[in-house]
Amino acid sequence: METDMAEKNAAAQSGIATIAAGPETARLLTPREAAERLGATVEALERWRGRGGGPAFVKLSAKFVRYRLEDLDAFVQACRRESTAG
């Protein structure tokens, strides 16, 4: 249990956020990392958060926003189109 707490403290100090995901731990991506993965800008992610329509995000506090990899992948799948019509 002490090792678990030490790992959490080390992760918090390094700026790496994690969440429990069953037996494993899933990493939360920063807005910059999420933007890079999507080929978008951090500003685009900010607009999407304000207006809606972007990927789901985790808001742990007013200034602490993170993205789950699964949510980014789901967003990309939802944007997939077969043609330019509609």
PDB file of N, CA and C in Angstrom:
ATOM      1  N   MET A   1       0.822  -1.186   0.000  1.00  0.00           N
ATOM      2  CA  MET A   1       0.000   0.000   0.000  1.00  0.00           C
ATOM      3  C   MET A   1       0.865   1.248   0.000  1.00  0.00           C
ATOM      4  N   GLU A   2       1.976   1.232   0.723  1.00  0.00           N
ATOM      5  CA  GLU A   2       2.874   2.378   0.719  1.00  0.00           C
ATOM      6  C   GLU A   2       3.478   2.578  -0.654  1.00  0.00           C
ATOM      7  N   THR A   3       3.786   1.484  -1.350  1.00  0.00           N
ATOM      8  CA  THR A   3       4.336   1.571  -2.703  1.00  0.00           C
ATOM      9  C   THR A   3       3.318   2.205  -3.635  1.00  0.00           C
ATOM     10  N   ASP A   4       2.050   1.831  -3.490  1.00  0.00           N
ATOM     11  CA  ASP A   4       0.981   2.397  -4.300  1.00  0.00           C
ATOM     12  C   ASP A   4       0.912   3.908  -4.125  1.00  0.00           C
ATOM     13  N   MET A   5       0.973   4.366  -2.884  1.00  0.00           N
ATOM     14  CA  MET A   5       0.916   5.794  -2.587  1.00  0.00           C
ATOM     15  C   MET A   5       2.143   6.504  -3.132  1.00  0.00           C
ATOM     16  N   ALA A   6       3.303   5.884  -3.019  1.00  0.00           N
ATOM     17  CA  ALA A   6       4.536   6.485  -3.540  1.00  0.00           C
ATOM     18  C   ALA A   6       4.458   6.625  -5.050  1.00  0.00           C
ATOM     19  N   GLU A   7       3.895   5.627  -5.740  1.00  0.00           N
ATOM     20  CA  GLU A   7       3.737   5.695  -7.192  1.00  0.00           C
ATOM     21  C   GLU A   7       2.789   6.815  -7.584  1.00  0.00           C
ATOM     22  N   LYS A   8       1.689   6.960  -6.856  1.00  0.00           N
ATOM     23  CA  LYS A   8       0.731   8.025  -7.147  1.00  0.00           C
ATOM     24  C   LYS A   8       1.363   9.395  -6.936  1.00  0.00           C
ATOM     25  N   ASN A   9       2.129   9.542  -5.859  1.00  0.00           N
ATOM     26  CA  ASN A   9       2.799  10.816  -5.596  1.00  0.00           C
ATOM     27  C   ASN A   9       3.815  11.130  -6.679  1.00  0.00           C
ATOM     28  N   ALA A  10       4.577  10.135  -7.106  1.00  0.00           N
ATOM     29  CA  ALA A  10       5.574  10.339  -8.161  1.00  0.00           C
ATOM     30  C   ALA A  10       4.891  10.733  -9.463  1.00  0.00           C
ATOM     31  N   ALA A  11       3.774  10.089  -9.786  1.00  0.00           N
ATOM     32  CA  ALA A  11       3.041  10.422 -11.008  1.00  0.00           C
ATOM     33  C   ALA A  11       2.490  11.836 -10.937  1.00  0.00           C
ATOM     34  N   ALA A  12       1.960  12.219  -9.781  1.00  0.00           N
ATOM     35  CA  ALA A  12       1.417  13.566  -9.623  1.00  0.00           C
ATOM     36  C   ALA A  12       2.503  14.617  -9.787  1.00  0.00           C
ATOM     37  N   GLN A  13       3.675  14.362  -9.228  1.00  0.00           N
ATOM     38  CA  GLN A  13       4.773  15.313  -9.324  1.00  0.00           C
ATOM     39  C   GLN A  13       5.310  15.409 -10.742  1.00  0.00           C
ATOM     40  N   SER A  14       5.246  14.333 -11.500  1.00  0.00           N
ATOM     41  CA  SER A  14       5.770  14.355 -12.866  1.00  0.00           C
ATOM     42  C   SER A  14       4.760  14.920 -13.853  1.00  0.00           C
ATOM     43  N   GLY A  15       3.526  15.158 -13.409  1.00  0.00           N
ATOM     44  CA  GLY A  15       2.509  15.707 -14.285  1.00  0.00           C
ATOM     45  C   GLY A  15       1.766  14.663 -15.089  1.00  0.00           C
ATOM     46  N   ILE A  16       1.983  13.396 -14.822  1.00  0.00           N
ATOM     47  CA  ILE A  16       1.302  12.321 -15.531  1.00  0.00           C
ATOM     48  C   ILE A  16       0.068  11.931 -14.730  1.00  0.00           C
ATOM     49  N   ALA A  17      -1.088  12.099 -15.325  1.00  0.00           N
ATOM     50  CA  ALA A  17      -2.327  11.749 -14.648  1.00  0.00           C
ATOM     51  C   ALA A  17      -2.748  10.357 -15.079  1.00  0.00           C
ATOM     52  N   THR A  18      -3.260   9.589 -14.131  1.00  0.00           N
ATOM     53  CA  THR A  18      -3.746   8.253 -14.446  1.00  0.00           C
ATOM     54  C   THR A  18      -5.090   8.036 -13.779  1.00  0.00           C
ATOM     55  N   ILE A  19      -5.856   7.106 -14.337  1.00  0.00           N
ATOM     56  CA  ILE A  19      -7.120   6.709 -13.723  1.00  0.00           C
ATOM     57  C   ILE A  19      -7.171   5.197 -13.685  1.00  0.00           C
ATOM     58  N   ALA A  20      -7.954   4.689 -12.760  1.00  0.00           N
ATOM     59  CA  ALA A  20      -8.101   3.239 -12.675  1.00  0.00           C
ATOM     60  C   ALA A  20      -8.929   2.762 -13.855  1.00  0.00           C
ATOM     61  N   ALA A  21      -8.476   1.713 -14.504  1.00  0.00           N
ATOM     62  CA  ALA A  21      -9.191   1.136 -15.644  1.00  0.00           C
ATOM     63  C   ALA A  21      -9.158  -0.371 -15.493  1.00  0.00           C
ATOM     64  N   GLY A  22      -9.964  -0.867 -14.586  1.00  0.00           N
ATOM     65  CA  GLY A  22      -9.932  -2.292 -14.291  1.00  0.00           C
ATOM     66  C   GLY A  22      -8.624  -2.624 -13.609  1.00  0.00           C
ATOM     67  N   PRO A  23      -8.014  -3.740 -13.997  1.00  0.00           N
ATOM     68  CA  PRO A  23      -6.771  -4.135 -13.349  1.00  0.00           C
ATOM     69  C   PRO A  23      -5.570  -3.311 -13.804  1.00  0.00           C
ATOM     70  N   GLU A  24      -5.727  -2.576 -14.907  1.00  0.00           N
ATOM     71  CA  GLU A  24      -4.629  -1.770 -15.417  1.00  0.00           C
ATOM     72  C   GLU A  24      -4.889  -0.299 -15.132  1.00  0.00           C
ATOM     73  N   THR A  25      -3.941   0.532 -15.485  1.00  0.00           N
ATOM     74  CA  THR A  25      -4.103   1.971 -15.330  1.00  0.00           C
ATOM     75  C   THR A  25      -4.028   2.618 -16.705  1.00  0.00           C
ATOM     76  N   ALA A  26      -5.012   3.451 -17.017  1.00  0.00           N
ATOM     77  CA  ALA A  26      -5.048   4.143 -18.303  1.00  0.00           C
ATOM     78  C   ALA A  26      -4.507   5.559 -18.124  1.00  0.00           C
ATOM     79  N   ARG A  27      -3.673   5.973 -19.030  1.00  0.00           N
ATOM     80  CA  ARG A  27      -3.071   7.298 -18.953  1.00  0.00           C
ATOM     81  C   ARG A  27      -4.031   8.337 -19.525  1.00  0.00           C
ATOM     82  N   LEU A  28      -4.104   9.463 -18.868  1.00  0.00           N
ATOM     83  CA  LEU A  28      -4.885  10.582 -19.365  1.00  0.00           C
ATOM     84  C   LEU A  28      -3.950  11.501 -20.134  1.00  0.00           C
ATOM     85  N   LEU A  29      -4.376  11.932 -21.320  1.00  0.00           N
ATOM     86  CA  LEU A  29      -3.553  12.782 -22.160  1.00  0.00           C
ATOM     87  C   LEU A  29      -3.823  14.252 -21.883  1.00  0.00           C
ATOM     88  N   THR A  30      -2.786  15.056 -21.970  1.00  0.00           N
ATOM     89  CA  THR A  30      -2.933  16.504 -21.843  1.00  0.00           C
ATOM     90  C   THR A  30      -3.610  17.033 -23.104  1.00  0.00           C
ATOM     91  N   PRO A  31      -4.153  18.258 -23.062  1.00  0.00           N
ATOM     92  CA  PRO A  31      -4.718  18.835 -24.281  1.00  0.00           C
ATOM     93  C   PRO A  31      -3.702  18.890 -25.429  1.00  0.00           C
ATOM     94  N   ARG A  32      -2.455  19.178 -25.135  1.00  0.00           N
ATOM     95  CA  ARG A  32      -1.429  19.224 -26.182  1.00  0.00           C
ATOM     96  C   ARG A  32      -1.240  17.839 -26.813  1.00  0.00           C
ATOM     97  N   GLU A  33      -1.172  16.810 -25.973  1.00  0.00           N
ATOM     98  CA  GLU A  33      -1.012  15.442 -26.484  1.00  0.00           C
ATOM     99  C   GLU A  33      -2.232  15.013 -27.297  1.00  0.00           C
ATOM    100  N   ALA A  34      -3.420  15.372 -26.803  1.00  0.00           N
ATOM    101  CA  ALA A  34      -4.650  15.024 -27.518  1.00  0.00           C
ATOM    102  C   ALA A  34      -4.701  15.734 -28.869  1.00  0.00           C
ATOM    103  N   ALA A  35      -4.327  17.005 -28.886  1.00  0.00           N
ATOM    104  CA  ALA A  35      -4.325  17.770 -30.137  1.00  0.00           C
ATOM    105  C   ALA A  35      -3.361  17.151 -31.142  1.00  0.00           C
ATOM    106  N   GLU A  36      -2.183  16.779 -30.683  1.00  0.00           N
ATOM    107  CA  GLU A  36      -1.204  16.146 -31.570  1.00  0.00           C
ATOM    108  C   GLU A  36      -1.755  14.845 -32.140  1.00  0.00           C
ATOM    109  N   ARG A  37      -2.396  14.062 -31.308  1.00  0.00           N
ATOM    110  CA  ARG A  37      -2.941  12.776 -31.762  1.00  0.00           C
ATOM    111  C   ARG A  37      -4.040  12.972 -32.804  1.00  0.00           C
ATOM    112  N   LEU A  38      -4.833  14.041 -32.641  1.00  0.00           N
ATOM    113  CA  LEU A  38      -5.934  14.302 -33.565  1.00  0.00           C
ATOM    114  C   LEU A  38      -5.506  15.109 -34.786  1.00  0.00           C
ATOM    115  N   GLY A  39      -4.309  15.673 -34.750  1.00  0.00           N
ATOM    116  CA  GLY A  39      -3.887  16.552 -35.837  1.00  0.00           C
ATOM    117  C   GLY A  39      -4.604  17.886 -35.775  1.00  0.00           C
ATOM    118  N   ALA A  40      -4.962  18.297 -34.572  1.00  0.00           N
ATOM    119  CA  ALA A  40      -5.681  19.548 -34.346  1.00  0.00           C
ATOM    120  C   ALA A  40      -4.806  20.468 -33.495  1.00  0.00           C
ATOM    121  N   THR A  41      -5.347  21.608 -33.139  1.00  0.00           N
ATOM    122  CA  THR A  41      -4.634  22.528 -32.255  1.00  0.00           C
ATOM    123  C   THR A  41      -5.256  22.480 -30.864  1.00  0.00           C
ATOM    124  N   VAL A  42      -4.512  22.933 -29.889  1.00  0.00           N
ATOM    125  CA  VAL A  42      -5.036  23.033 -28.525  1.00  0.00           C
ATOM    126  C   VAL A  42      -6.219  24.000 -28.514  1.00  0.00           C
ATOM    127  N   GLU A  43      -6.119  25.056 -29.325  1.00  0.00           N
ATOM    128  CA  GLU A  43      -7.211  26.039 -29.402  1.00  0.00           C
ATOM    129  C   GLU A  43      -8.490  25.413 -29.951  1.00  0.00           C
ATOM    130  N   ALA A  44      -8.354  24.509 -30.916  1.00  0.00           N
ATOM    131  CA  ALA A  44      -9.536  23.813 -31.447  1.00  0.00           C
ATOM    132  C   ALA A  44     -10.189  22.972 -30.355  1.00  0.00           C
ATOM    133  N   LEU A  45      -9.381  22.288 -29.568  1.00  0.00           N
ATOM    134  CA  LEU A  45      -9.933  21.501 -28.457  1.00  0.00           C
ATOM    135  C   LEU A  45     -10.654  22.410 -27.465  1.00  0.00           C
ATOM    136  N   GLU A  46     -10.087  23.580 -27.185  1.00  0.00           N
ATOM    137  CA  GLU A  46     -10.738  24.533 -26.276  1.00  0.00           C
ATOM    138  C   GLU A  46     -12.094  24.965 -26.827  1.00  0.00           C
ATOM    139  N   ARG A  47     -12.148  25.263 -28.126  1.00  0.00           N
ATOM    140  CA  ARG A  47     -13.423  25.658 -28.746  1.00  0.00           C
ATOM    141  C   ARG A  47     -14.437  24.525 -28.651  1.00  0.00           C
ATOM    142  N   TRP A  48     -13.999  23.307 -28.961  1.00  0.00           N
ATOM    143  CA  TRP A  48     -14.904  22.166 -28.893  1.00  0.00           C
ATOM    144  C   TRP A  48     -15.429  21.956 -27.477  1.00  0.00           C
ATOM    145  N   ARG A  49     -14.558  22.138 -26.479  1.00  0.00           N
ATOM    146  CA  ARG A  49     -15.020  21.977 -25.091  1.00  0.00           C
ATOM    147  C   ARG A  49     -16.089  23.007 -24.767  1.00  0.00           C
ATOM    148  N   GLY A  50     -15.916  24.232 -25.247  1.00  0.00           N
ATOM    149  CA  GLY A  50     -16.875  25.297 -24.963  1.00  0.00           C
ATOM    150  C   GLY A  50     -18.181  25.154 -25.723  1.00  0.00           C
ATOM    151  N   ARG A  51     -18.095  24.750 -26.980  1.00  0.00           N
ATOM    152  CA  ARG A  51     -19.272  24.676 -27.854  1.00  0.00           C
ATOM    153  C   ARG A  51     -19.890  23.290 -27.929  1.00  0.00           C
ATOM    154  N   GLY A  52     -19.118  22.285 -27.553  1.00  0.00           N
ATOM    155  CA  GLY A  52     -19.572  20.910 -27.738  1.00  0.00           C
ATOM    156  C   GLY A  52     -19.161  20.422 -29.116  1.00  0.00           C
ATOM    157  N   GLY A  53     -19.330  19.156 -29.357  1.00  0.00           N
ATOM    158  CA  GLY A  53     -19.022  18.596 -30.662  1.00  0.00           C
ATOM    159  C   GLY A  53     -17.641  17.980 -30.777  1.00  0.00           C
ATOM    160  N   GLY A  54     -16.818  18.153 -29.791  1.00  0.00           N
ATOM    161  CA  GLY A  54     -15.480  17.571 -29.814  1.00  0.00           C
ATOM    162  C   GLY A  54     -15.436  16.276 -29.034  1.00  0.00           C
ATOM    163  N   PRO A  55     -14.234  15.778 -28.800  1.00  0.00           N
ATOM    164  CA  PRO A  55     -14.110  14.537 -28.032  1.00  0.00           C
ATOM    165  C   PRO A  55     -14.492  14.748 -26.564  1.00  0.00           C
ATOM    166  N   ALA A  56     -14.974  13.691 -25.940  1.00  0.00           N
ATOM    167  CA  ALA A  56     -15.265  13.740 -24.503  1.00  0.00           C
ATOM    168  C   ALA A  56     -13.969  14.026 -23.757  1.00  0.00           C
ATOM    169  N   PHE A  57     -14.084  14.687 -22.615  1.00  0.00           N
ATOM    170  CA  PHE A  57     -12.903  15.038 -21.832  1.00  0.00           C
ATOM    171  C   PHE A  57     -13.181  14.868 -20.354  1.00  0.00           C
ATOM    172  N   VAL A  58     -12.127  14.868 -19.585  1.00  0.00           N
ATOM    173  CA  VAL A  58     -12.207  14.741 -18.133  1.00  0.00           C
ATOM    174  C   VAL A  58     -11.785  16.078 -17.546  1.00  0.00           C
ATOM    175  N   LYS A  59     -12.647  16.675 -16.727  1.00  0.00           N
ATOM    176  CA  LYS A  59     -12.335  17.965 -16.113  1.00  0.00           C
ATOM    177  C   LYS A  59     -12.222  17.754 -14.608  1.00  0.00           C
ATOM    178  N   LEU A  60     -10.990  17.640 -14.150  1.00  0.00           N
ATOM    179  CA  LEU A  60     -10.743  17.361 -12.738  1.00  0.00           C
ATOM    180  C   LEU A  60     -10.802  18.612 -11.882  1.00  0.00           C
ATOM    181  N   SER A  61     -10.577  19.772 -12.490  1.00  0.00           N
ATOM    182  CA  SER A  61     -10.734  21.064 -11.827  1.00  0.00           C
ATOM    183  C   SER A  61     -10.876  22.108 -12.921  1.00  0.00           C
ATOM    184  N   ALA A  62     -11.013  23.369 -12.546  1.00  0.00           N
ATOM    185  CA  ALA A  62     -11.227  24.427 -13.533  1.00  0.00           C
ATOM    186  C   ALA A  62     -10.111  24.496 -14.568  1.00  0.00           C
ATOM    187  N   LYS A  63      -8.891  24.193 -14.174  1.00  0.00           N
ATOM    188  CA  LYS A  63      -7.753  24.314 -15.086  1.00  0.00           C
ATOM    189  C   LYS A  63      -7.081  22.983 -15.398  1.00  0.00           C
ATOM    190  N   PHE A  64      -7.703  21.881 -15.024  1.00  0.00           N
ATOM    191  CA  PHE A  64      -7.074  20.571 -15.204  1.00  0.00           C
ATOM    192  C   PHE A  64      -7.963  19.710 -16.092  1.00  0.00           C
ATOM    193  N   VAL A  65      -7.736  19.784 -17.397  1.00  0.00           N
ATOM    194  CA  VAL A  65      -8.512  19.040 -18.384  1.00  0.00           C
ATOM    195  C   VAL A  65      -7.623  17.963 -18.979  1.00  0.00           C
ATOM    196  N   ARG A  66      -8.164  16.775 -19.120  1.00  0.00           N
ATOM    197  CA  ARG A  66      -7.424  15.670 -19.714  1.00  0.00           C
ATOM    198  C   ARG A  66      -8.351  14.889 -20.638  1.00  0.00           C
ATOM    199  N   TYR A  67      -7.754  14.066 -21.497  1.00  0.00           N
ATOM    200  CA  TYR A  67      -8.494  13.265 -22.462  1.00  0.00           C
ATOM    201  C   TYR A  67      -8.102  11.803 -22.329  1.00  0.00           C
ATOM    202  N   ARG A  68      -9.116  10.926 -22.390  1.00  0.00           N
ATOM    203  CA  ARG A  68      -8.837   9.491 -22.413  1.00  0.00           C
ATOM    204  C   ARG A  68      -8.601   9.073 -23.855  1.00  0.00           C
ATOM    205  N   LEU A  69      -7.639   8.221 -24.063  1.00  0.00           N
ATOM    206  CA  LEU A  69      -7.321   7.732 -25.398  1.00  0.00           C
ATOM    207  C   LEU A  69      -8.548   7.103 -26.054  1.00  0.00           C
ATOM    208  N   GLU A  70      -9.318   6.363 -25.279  1.00  0.00           N
ATOM    209  CA  GLU A  70     -10.520   5.710 -25.800  1.00  0.00           C
ATOM    210  C   GLU A  70     -11.517   6.734 -26.331  1.00  0.00           C
ATOM    211  N   ASP A  71     -11.629   7.879 -25.644  1.00  0.00           N
ATOM    212  CA  ASP A  71     -12.558   8.921 -26.081  1.00  0.00           C
ATOM    213  C   ASP A  71     -12.083   9.588 -27.369  1.00  0.00           C
ATOM    214  N   LEU A  72     -10.775   9.767 -27.515  1.00  0.00           N
ATOM    215  CA  LEU A  72     -10.242  10.336 -28.757  1.00  0.00           C
ATOM    216  C   LEU A  72     -10.505   9.393 -29.920  1.00  0.00           C
ATOM    217  N   ASP A  73     -10.273   8.101 -29.699  1.00  0.00           N
ATOM    218  CA  ASP A  73     -10.523   7.114 -30.750  1.00  0.00           C
ATOM    219  C   ASP A  73     -12.004   7.070 -31.126  1.00  0.00           C
ATOM    220  N   ALA A  74     -12.886   7.162 -30.134  1.00  0.00           N
ATOM    221  CA  ALA A  74     -14.328   7.160 -30.393  1.00  0.00           C
ATOM    222  C   ALA A  74     -14.734   8.401 -31.183  1.00  0.00           C
ATOM    223  N   PHE A  75     -14.128   9.540 -30.870  1.00  0.00           N
ATOM    224  CA  PHE A  75     -14.409  10.781 -31.595  1.00  0.00           C
ATOM    225  C   PHE A  75     -14.014  10.643 -33.062  1.00  0.00           C
ATOM    226  N   VAL A  76     -12.840  10.095 -33.311  1.00  0.00           N
ATOM    227  CA  VAL A  76     -12.377   9.899 -34.691  1.00  0.00           C
ATOM    228  C   VAL A  76     -13.334   8.966 -35.430  1.00  0.00           C
ATOM    229  N   GLN A  77     -13.755   7.885 -34.791  1.00  0.00           N
ATOM    230  CA  GLN A  77     -14.700   6.949 -35.418  1.00  0.00           C
ATOM    231  C   GLN A  77     -16.017   7.647 -35.742  1.00  0.00           C
ATOM    232  N   ALA A  78     -16.499   8.493 -34.829  1.00  0.00           N
ATOM    233  CA  ALA A  78     -17.764   9.195 -35.038  1.00  0.00           C
ATOM    234  C   ALA A  78     -17.665  10.200 -36.186  1.00  0.00           C
ATOM    235  N   CYS A  79     -16.476  10.699 -36.463  1.00  0.00           N
ATOM    236  CA  CYS A  79     -16.268  11.668 -37.547  1.00  0.00           C
ATOM    237  C   CYS A  79     -16.044  10.997 -38.897  1.00  0.00           C
ATOM    238  N   ARG A  80     -15.916   9.706 -38.905  1.00  0.00           N
ATOM    239  CA  ARG A  80     -15.625   8.962 -40.137  1.00  0.00           C
ATOM    240  C   ARG A  80     -16.799   9.066 -41.108  1.00  0.00           C
ATOM    241  N   ARG A  81     -16.485   9.345 -42.373  1.00  0.00           N
ATOM    242  CA  ARG A  81     -17.504   9.479 -43.412  1.00  0.00           C
ATOM    243  C   ARG A  81     -17.103   8.676 -44.639  1.00  0.00           C
ATOM    244  N   GLU A  82     -18.097   8.215 -45.381  1.00  0.00           N
ATOM    245  CA  GLU A  82     -17.882   7.485 -46.628  1.00  0.00           C
ATOM    246  C   GLU A  82     -17.922   8.418 -47.832  1.00  0.00           C
ATOM    247  N   SER A  83     -18.592   9.581 -47.682  1.00  0.00           N
ATOM    248  CA  SER A  83     -18.681  10.540 -48.779  1.00  0.00           C
ATOM    249  C   SER A  83     -18.806  11.947 -48.201  1.00  0.00           C
ATOM    250  N   THR A  84     -18.781  12.946 -49.066  1.00  0.00           N
ATOM    251  CA  THR A  84     -18.906  14.327 -48.601  1.00  0.00           C
ATOM    252  C   THR A  84     -20.355  14.755 -48.477  1.00  0.00           C
ATOM    253  N   ALA A  85     -21.292  13.952 -48.940  1.00  0.00           N
ATOM    254  CA  ALA A  85     -22.712  14.273 -48.842  1.00  0.00           C
ATOM    255  C   ALA A  85     -23.194  14.095 -47.414  1.00  0.00           C
ATOM    256  N   GLY A  86     -23.958  15.083 -46.933  1.00  0.00           N
ATOM    257  CA  GLY A  86     -24.597  14.991 -45.628  1.00  0.00           C
ATOM    258  C   GLY A  86     -23.650  14.977 -44.539  1.00  0.00           C
TER     259      GLY A  86
END
